[in-house]
Amino acid sequence: MQLIEEQRCQIHGLIKAGINQIEIGVEIGVHKSTISRELGHNRCRRGYRSARAHRFMQERCQAAVSTKISDED
């Protein structure tokens, strides 16, 4: 499942409030493993930043589109 920007903002706020991953998943309506992957992919030295996470997701999506096989074969 791909998270939307609003969900990432909720994750950020809930982490700052000290809520654990299981409770965050319940709160925003996604499986706890989705929260775990999101934090694993997007955590930096300063912690989880929702805007940074969303920007990284957009960059990954653009990179995936640009690396598709061309019709030149």
PDB file of N, CA and C in Angstrom:
ATOM      1  N   MET A   1       0.841  -1.180   0.000  1.00  0.00           N
ATOM      2  CA  MET A   1       0.000   0.000   0.000  1.00  0.00           C
ATOM      3  C   MET A   1       0.883   1.239   0.000  1.00  0.00           C
ATOM      4  N   GLN A   2       0.498   2.218  -0.770  1.00  0.00           N
ATOM      5  CA  GLN A   2       1.237   3.465  -0.820  1.00  0.00           C
ATOM      6  C   GLN A   2       0.511   4.508   0.023  1.00  0.00           C
ATOM      7  N   LEU A   3       1.262   5.161   0.877  1.00  0.00           N
ATOM      8  CA  LEU A   3       0.682   6.170   1.755  1.00  0.00           C
ATOM      9  C   LEU A   3       0.534   7.495   1.019  1.00  0.00           C
ATOM     10  N   ILE A   4      -0.442   8.277   1.440  1.00  0.00           N
ATOM     11  CA  ILE A   4      -0.598   9.618   0.888  1.00  0.00           C
ATOM     12  C   ILE A   4       0.077  10.609   1.839  1.00  0.00           C
ATOM     13  N   GLU A   5       0.262  11.823   1.357  1.00  0.00           N
ATOM     14  CA  GLU A   5       0.985  12.831   2.130  1.00  0.00           C
ATOM     15  C   GLU A   5       0.337  13.086   3.489  1.00  0.00           C
ATOM     16  N   GLU A   6      -0.974  13.111   3.541  1.00  0.00           N
ATOM     17  CA  GLU A   6      -1.687  13.344   4.797  1.00  0.00           C
ATOM     18  C   GLU A   6      -1.369  12.255   5.823  1.00  0.00           C
ATOM     19  N   GLN A   7      -1.307  11.000   5.371  1.00  0.00           N
ATOM     20  CA  GLN A   7      -0.979   9.903   6.280  1.00  0.00           C
ATOM     21  C   GLN A   7       0.447  10.037   6.805  1.00  0.00           C
ATOM     22  N   ARG A   8       1.357  10.481   5.948  1.00  0.00           N
ATOM     23  CA  ARG A   8       2.734  10.684   6.393  1.00  0.00           C
ATOM     24  C   ARG A   8       2.809  11.773   7.465  1.00  0.00           C
ATOM     25  N   CYS A   9       2.020  12.825   7.312  1.00  0.00           N
ATOM     26  CA  CYS A   9       1.972  13.879   8.324  1.00  0.00           C
ATOM     27  C   CYS A   9       1.421  13.334   9.647  1.00  0.00           C
ATOM     28  N   GLN A  10       0.410  12.477   9.552  1.00  0.00           N
ATOM     29  CA  GLN A  10      -0.146  11.857  10.753  1.00  0.00           C
ATOM     30  C   GLN A  10       0.900  10.978  11.434  1.00  0.00           C
ATOM     31  N   ILE A  11       1.637  10.208  10.663  1.00  0.00           N
ATOM     32  CA  ILE A  11       2.685   9.356  11.221  1.00  0.00           C
ATOM     33  C   ILE A  11       3.691  10.210  11.978  1.00  0.00           C
ATOM     34  N   HIS A  12       4.114  11.293  11.355  1.00  0.00           N
ATOM     35  CA  HIS A  12       5.096  12.183  11.985  1.00  0.00           C
ATOM     36  C   HIS A  12       4.579  12.690  13.344  1.00  0.00           C
ATOM     37  N   GLY A  13       3.351  13.171  13.362  1.00  0.00           N
ATOM     38  CA  GLY A  13       2.772  13.683  14.603  1.00  0.00           C
ATOM     39  C   GLY A  13       2.618  12.619  15.669  1.00  0.00           C
ATOM     40  N   LEU A  14       2.196  11.434  15.270  1.00  0.00           N
ATOM     41  CA  LEU A  14       1.998  10.353  16.232  1.00  0.00           C
ATOM     42  C   LEU A  14       3.331   9.855  16.796  1.00  0.00           C
ATOM     43  N   ILE A  15       4.356   9.837  15.982  1.00  0.00           N
ATOM     44  CA  ILE A  15       5.686   9.446  16.476  1.00  0.00           C
ATOM     45  C   ILE A  15       6.160  10.461  17.505  1.00  0.00           C
ATOM     46  N   LYS A  16       5.992  11.749  17.199  1.00  0.00           N
ATOM     47  CA  LYS A  16       6.401  12.798  18.140  1.00  0.00           C
ATOM     48  C   LYS A  16       5.626  12.699  19.454  1.00  0.00           C
ATOM     49  N   ALA A  17       4.387  12.175  19.387  1.00  0.00           N
ATOM     50  CA  ALA A  17       3.562  12.006  20.584  1.00  0.00           C
ATOM     51  C   ALA A  17       3.914  10.739  21.357  1.00  0.00           C
ATOM     52  N   GLY A  18       4.845   9.942  20.818  1.00  0.00           N
ATOM     53  CA  GLY A  18       5.279   8.737  21.518  1.00  0.00           C
ATOM     54  C   GLY A  18       4.420   7.509  21.270  1.00  0.00           C
ATOM     55  N   ILE A  19       3.621   7.529  20.226  1.00  0.00           N
ATOM     56  CA  ILE A  19       2.746   6.394  19.900  1.00  0.00           C
ATOM     57  C   ILE A  19       3.570   5.335  19.173  1.00  0.00           C
ATOM     58  N   ASN A  20       3.316   4.055  19.488  1.00  0.00           N
ATOM     59  CA  ASN A  20       4.085   2.983  18.839  1.00  0.00           C
ATOM     60  C   ASN A  20       3.527   2.645  17.455  1.00  0.00           C
ATOM     61  N   GLN A  21       4.289   1.868  16.704  1.00  0.00           N
ATOM     62  CA  GLN A  21       3.946   1.564  15.306  1.00  0.00           C
ATOM     63  C   GLN A  21       2.607   0.851  15.162  1.00  0.00           C
ATOM     64  N   ILE A  22       2.308  -0.057  16.059  1.00  0.00           N
ATOM     65  CA  ILE A  22       1.036  -0.794  15.983  1.00  0.00           C
ATOM     66  C   ILE A  22      -0.137   0.178  16.142  1.00  0.00           C
ATOM     67  N   GLU A  23      -0.055   1.054  17.140  1.00  0.00           N
ATOM     68  CA  GLU A  23      -1.129   2.013  17.374  1.00  0.00           C
ATOM     69  C   GLU A  23      -1.234   3.035  16.245  1.00  0.00           C
ATOM     70  N   ILE A  24      -0.106   3.415  15.657  1.00  0.00           N
ATOM     71  CA  ILE A  24      -0.130   4.329  14.519  1.00  0.00           C
ATOM     72  C   ILE A  24      -0.867   3.678  13.354  1.00  0.00           C
ATOM     73  N   GLY A  25      -0.570   2.405  13.087  1.00  0.00           N
ATOM     74  CA  GLY A  25      -1.250   1.684  12.017  1.00  0.00           C
ATOM     75  C   GLY A  25      -2.751   1.653  12.213  1.00  0.00           C
ATOM     76  N   VAL A  26      -3.174   1.374  13.441  1.00  0.00           N
ATOM     77  CA  VAL A  26      -4.605   1.348  13.751  1.00  0.00           C
ATOM     78  C   VAL A  26      -5.209   2.737  13.550  1.00  0.00           C
ATOM     79  N   GLU A  27      -4.531   3.752  14.021  1.00  0.00           N
ATOM     80  CA  GLU A  27      -5.031   5.134  13.939  1.00  0.00           C
ATOM     81  C   GLU A  27      -5.240   5.595  12.500  1.00  0.00           C
ATOM     82  N   ILE A  28      -4.299   5.285  11.611  1.00  0.00           N
ATOM     83  CA  ILE A  28      -4.440   5.780  10.232  1.00  0.00           C
ATOM     84  C   ILE A  28      -5.002   4.726   9.280  1.00  0.00           C
ATOM     85  N   GLY A  29      -5.264   3.531   9.787  1.00  0.00           N
ATOM     86  CA  GLY A  29      -5.965   2.530   8.989  1.00  0.00           C
ATOM     87  C   GLY A  29      -5.095   1.722   8.047  1.00  0.00           C
ATOM     88  N   VAL A  30      -3.846   1.481   8.434  1.00  0.00           N
ATOM     89  CA  VAL A  30      -2.959   0.642   7.635  1.00  0.00           C
ATOM     90  C   VAL A  30      -2.319  -0.420   8.540  1.00  0.00           C
ATOM     91  N   HIS A  31      -1.773  -1.454   7.931  1.00  0.00           N
ATOM     92  CA  HIS A  31      -1.143  -2.532   8.686  1.00  0.00           C
ATOM     93  C   HIS A  31       0.137  -2.032   9.335  1.00  0.00           C
ATOM     94  N   LYS A  32       0.481  -2.617  10.461  1.00  0.00           N
ATOM     95  CA  LYS A  32       1.685  -2.206  11.186  1.00  0.00           C
ATOM     96  C   LYS A  32       2.948  -2.381  10.339  1.00  0.00           C
ATOM     97  N   SER A  33       2.954  -3.355   9.423  1.00  0.00           N
ATOM     98  CA  SER A  33       4.136  -3.552   8.575  1.00  0.00           C
ATOM     99  C   SER A  33       4.310  -2.393   7.589  1.00  0.00           C
ATOM    100  N   THR A  34       3.208  -1.757   7.191  1.00  0.00           N
ATOM    101  CA  THR A  34       3.291  -0.580   6.326  1.00  0.00           C
ATOM    102  C   THR A  34       3.993   0.555   7.064  1.00  0.00           C
ATOM    103  N   ILE A  35       3.664   0.724   8.325  1.00  0.00           N
ATOM    104  CA  ILE A  35       4.313   1.753   9.149  1.00  0.00           C
ATOM    105  C   ILE A  35       5.789   1.424   9.316  1.00  0.00           C
ATOM    106  N   SER A  36       6.087   0.170   9.584  1.00  0.00           N
ATOM    107  CA  SER A  36       7.475  -0.259   9.760  1.00  0.00           C
ATOM    108  C   SER A  36       8.305   0.014   8.505  1.00  0.00           C
ATOM    109  N   ARG A  37       7.772  -0.345   7.333  1.00  0.00           N
ATOM    110  CA  ARG A  37       8.485  -0.095   6.076  1.00  0.00           C
ATOM    111  C   ARG A  37       8.665   1.400   5.823  1.00  0.00           C
ATOM    112  N   GLU A  38       7.621   2.170   6.083  1.00  0.00           N
ATOM    113  CA  GLU A  38       7.693   3.614   5.879  1.00  0.00           C
ATOM    114  C   GLU A  38       8.804   4.220   6.739  1.00  0.00           C
ATOM    115  N   LEU A  39       8.863   3.826   7.980  1.00  0.00           N
ATOM    116  CA  LEU A  39       9.887   4.362   8.874  1.00  0.00           C
ATOM    117  C   LEU A  39      11.271   3.860   8.477  1.00  0.00           C
ATOM    118  N   GLY A  40      11.355   2.614   8.054  1.00  0.00           N
ATOM    119  CA  GLY A  40      12.637   2.057   7.628  1.00  0.00           C
ATOM    120  C   GLY A  40      13.189   2.727   6.390  1.00  0.00           C
ATOM    121  N   HIS A  41      12.325   3.053   5.459  1.00  0.00           N
ATOM    122  CA  HIS A  41      12.750   3.691   4.199  1.00  0.00           C
ATOM    123  C   HIS A  41      13.076   5.165   4.373  1.00  0.00           C
ATOM    124  N   ASN A  42      12.445   5.823   5.317  1.00  0.00           N
ATOM    125  CA  ASN A  42      12.478   7.281   5.345  1.00  0.00           C
ATOM    126  C   ASN A  42      12.972   7.907   6.641  1.00  0.00           C
ATOM    127  N   ARG A  43      13.560   7.136   7.518  1.00  0.00           N
ATOM    128  CA  ARG A  43      14.088   7.690   8.757  1.00  0.00           C
ATOM    129  C   ARG A  43      15.517   8.167   8.509  1.00  0.00           C
ATOM    130  N   CYS A  44      15.854   9.311   9.042  1.00  0.00           N
ATOM    131  CA  CYS A  44      17.214   9.838   8.912  1.00  0.00           C
ATOM    132  C   CYS A  44      17.750  10.141  10.313  1.00  0.00           C
ATOM    133  N   ARG A  45      18.916  10.758  10.365  1.00  0.00           N
ATOM    134  CA  ARG A  45      19.522  11.063  11.670  1.00  0.00           C
ATOM    135  C   ARG A  45      18.608  11.917  12.536  1.00  0.00           C
ATOM    136  N   ARG A  46      17.840  12.788  11.917  1.00  0.00           N
ATOM    137  CA  ARG A  46      16.951  13.676  12.667  1.00  0.00           C
ATOM    138  C   ARG A  46      15.588  13.040  12.936  1.00  0.00           C
ATOM    139  N   GLY A  47      15.406  11.791  12.568  1.00  0.00           N
ATOM    140  CA  GLY A  47      14.134  11.115  12.779  1.00  0.00           C
ATOM    141  C   GLY A  47      13.309  11.065  11.510  1.00  0.00           C
ATOM    142  N   TYR A  48      12.034  10.822  11.654  1.00  0.00           N
ATOM    143  CA  TYR A  48      11.114  10.723  10.519  1.00  0.00           C
ATOM    144  C   TYR A  48      10.591  12.110  10.181  1.00  0.00           C
ATOM    145  N   ARG A  49      10.697  12.487   8.932  1.00  0.00           N
ATOM    146  CA  ARG A  49      10.195  13.765   8.447  1.00  0.00           C
ATOM    147  C   ARG A  49       9.211  13.487   7.309  1.00  0.00           C
ATOM    148  N   SER A  50       7.959  13.867   7.493  1.00  0.00           N
ATOM    149  CA  SER A  50       6.914  13.511   6.527  1.00  0.00           C
ATOM    150  C   SER A  50       7.145  14.161   5.160  1.00  0.00           C
ATOM    151  N   ALA A  51       7.550  15.415   5.114  1.00  0.00           N
ATOM    152  CA  ALA A  51       7.758  16.091   3.827  1.00  0.00           C
ATOM    153  C   ALA A  51       8.906  15.426   3.065  1.00  0.00           C
ATOM    154  N   ARG A  52       9.961  15.104   3.765  1.00  0.00           N
ATOM    155  CA  ARG A  52      11.112  14.424   3.156  1.00  0.00           C
ATOM    156  C   ARG A  52      10.700  13.049   2.637  1.00  0.00           C
ATOM    157  N   ALA A  53       9.925  12.323   3.434  1.00  0.00           N
ATOM    158  CA  ALA A  53       9.463  10.995   3.043  1.00  0.00           C
ATOM    159  C   ALA A  53       8.608  11.073   1.784  1.00  0.00           C
ATOM    160  N   HIS A  54       7.737  12.065   1.718  1.00  0.00           N
ATOM    161  CA  HIS A  54       6.867  12.202   0.546  1.00  0.00           C
ATOM    162  C   HIS A  54       7.694  12.555  -0.695  1.00  0.00           C
ATOM    163  N   ARG A  55       8.668  13.431  -0.535  1.00  0.00           N
ATOM    164  CA  ARG A  55       9.536  13.805  -1.657  1.00  0.00           C
ATOM    165  C   ARG A  55      10.330  12.597  -2.158  1.00  0.00           C
ATOM    166  N   PHE A  56      10.854  11.788  -1.235  1.00  0.00           N
ATOM    167  CA  PHE A  56      11.589  10.583  -1.630  1.00  0.00           C
ATOM    168  C   PHE A  56      10.686   9.612  -2.389  1.00  0.00           C
ATOM    169  N   MET A  57       9.438   9.465  -1.956  1.00  0.00           N
ATOM    170  CA  MET A  57       8.503   8.579  -2.641  1.00  0.00           C
ATOM    171  C   MET A  57       8.267   9.068  -4.063  1.00  0.00           C
ATOM    172  N   GLN A  58       8.091  10.366  -4.233  1.00  0.00           N
ATOM    173  CA  GLN A  58       7.875  10.917  -5.571  1.00  0.00           C
ATOM    174  C   GLN A  58       9.099  10.687  -6.459  1.00  0.00           C
ATOM    175  N   GLU A  59      10.292  10.849  -5.900  1.00  0.00           N
ATOM    176  CA  GLU A  59      11.516  10.617  -6.664  1.00  0.00           C
ATOM    177  C   GLU A  59      11.653   9.151  -7.071  1.00  0.00           C
ATOM    178  N   ARG A  60      11.296   8.236  -6.161  1.00  0.00           N
ATOM    179  CA  ARG A  60      11.362   6.811  -6.488  1.00  0.00           C
ATOM    180  C   ARG A  60      10.386   6.461  -7.604  1.00  0.00           C
ATOM    181  N   CYS A  61       9.189   7.049  -7.562  1.00  0.00           N
ATOM    182  CA  CYS A  61       8.190   6.794  -8.602  1.00  0.00           C
ATOM    183  C   CYS A  61       8.661   7.319  -9.959  1.00  0.00           C
ATOM    184  N   GLN A  62       9.243   8.506  -9.982  1.00  0.00           N
ATOM    185  CA  GLN A  62       9.748   9.069 -11.228  1.00  0.00           C
ATOM    186  C   GLN A  62      10.893   8.231 -11.780  1.00  0.00           C
ATOM    187  N   ALA A  63      11.767   7.753 -10.911  1.00  0.00           N
ATOM    188  CA  ALA A  63      12.889   6.923 -11.354  1.00  0.00           C
ATOM    189  C   ALA A  63      12.379   5.610 -11.941  1.00  0.00           C
ATOM    190  N   ALA A  64      11.330   5.050 -11.340  1.00  0.00           N
ATOM    191  CA  ALA A  64      10.772   3.793 -11.840  1.00  0.00           C
ATOM    192  C   ALA A  64      10.175   3.972 -13.229  1.00  0.00           C
ATOM    193  N   VAL A  65       9.517   5.087 -13.454  1.00  0.00           N
ATOM    194  CA  VAL A  65       8.903   5.359 -14.764  1.00  0.00           C
ATOM    195  C   VAL A  65       9.994   5.564 -15.818  1.00  0.00           C
ATOM    196  N   SER A  66      11.066   6.245 -15.482  1.00  0.00           N
ATOM    197  CA  SER A  66      12.095   6.559 -16.457  1.00  0.00           C
ATOM    198  C   SER A  66      12.984   5.364 -16.796  1.00  0.00           C
ATOM    199  N   THR A  67      12.949   4.299 -16.015  1.00  0.00           N
ATOM    200  CA  THR A  67      13.797   3.141 -16.285  1.00  0.00           C
ATOM    201  C   THR A  67      13.059   2.004 -16.979  1.00  0.00           C
ATOM    202  N   LYS A  68      11.832   2.220 -17.403  1.00  0.00           N
ATOM    203  CA  LYS A  68      11.095   1.170 -18.118  1.00  0.00           C
ATOM    204  C   LYS A  68      11.774   0.882 -19.457  1.00  0.00           C
ATOM    205  N   ILE A  69      11.625  -0.328 -19.914  1.00  0.00           N
ATOM    206  CA  ILE A  69      12.240  -0.749 -21.180  1.00  0.00           C
ATOM    207  C   ILE A  69      11.590  -0.011 -22.333  1.00  0.00           C
ATOM    208  N   SER A  70      12.403   0.470 -23.251  1.00  0.00           N
ATOM    209  CA  SER A  70      11.869   1.207 -24.396  1.00  0.00           C
ATOM    210  C   SER A  70      11.403   0.255 -25.492  1.00  0.00           C
ATOM    211  N   ASP A  71      10.707   0.780 -26.495  1.00  0.00           N
ATOM    212  CA  ASP A  71      10.198  -0.003 -27.612  1.00  0.00           C
ATOM    213  C   ASP A  71      11.231  -0.151 -28.725  1.00  0.00           C
ATOM    214  N   GLU A  72      12.446   0.268 -28.511  1.00  0.00           N
ATOM    215  CA  GLU A  72      13.472   0.244 -29.549  1.00  0.00           C
ATOM    216  C   GLU A  72      14.019  -1.144 -29.825  1.00  0.00           C
ATOM    217  N   ASP A  73      13.658  -2.131 -29.054  1.00  0.00           N
ATOM    218  CA  ASP A  73      14.213  -3.491 -29.223  1.00  0.00           C
ATOM    219  C   ASP A  73      13.857  -4.099 -30.539  1.00  0.00           C
TER     220      ASP A  73
END
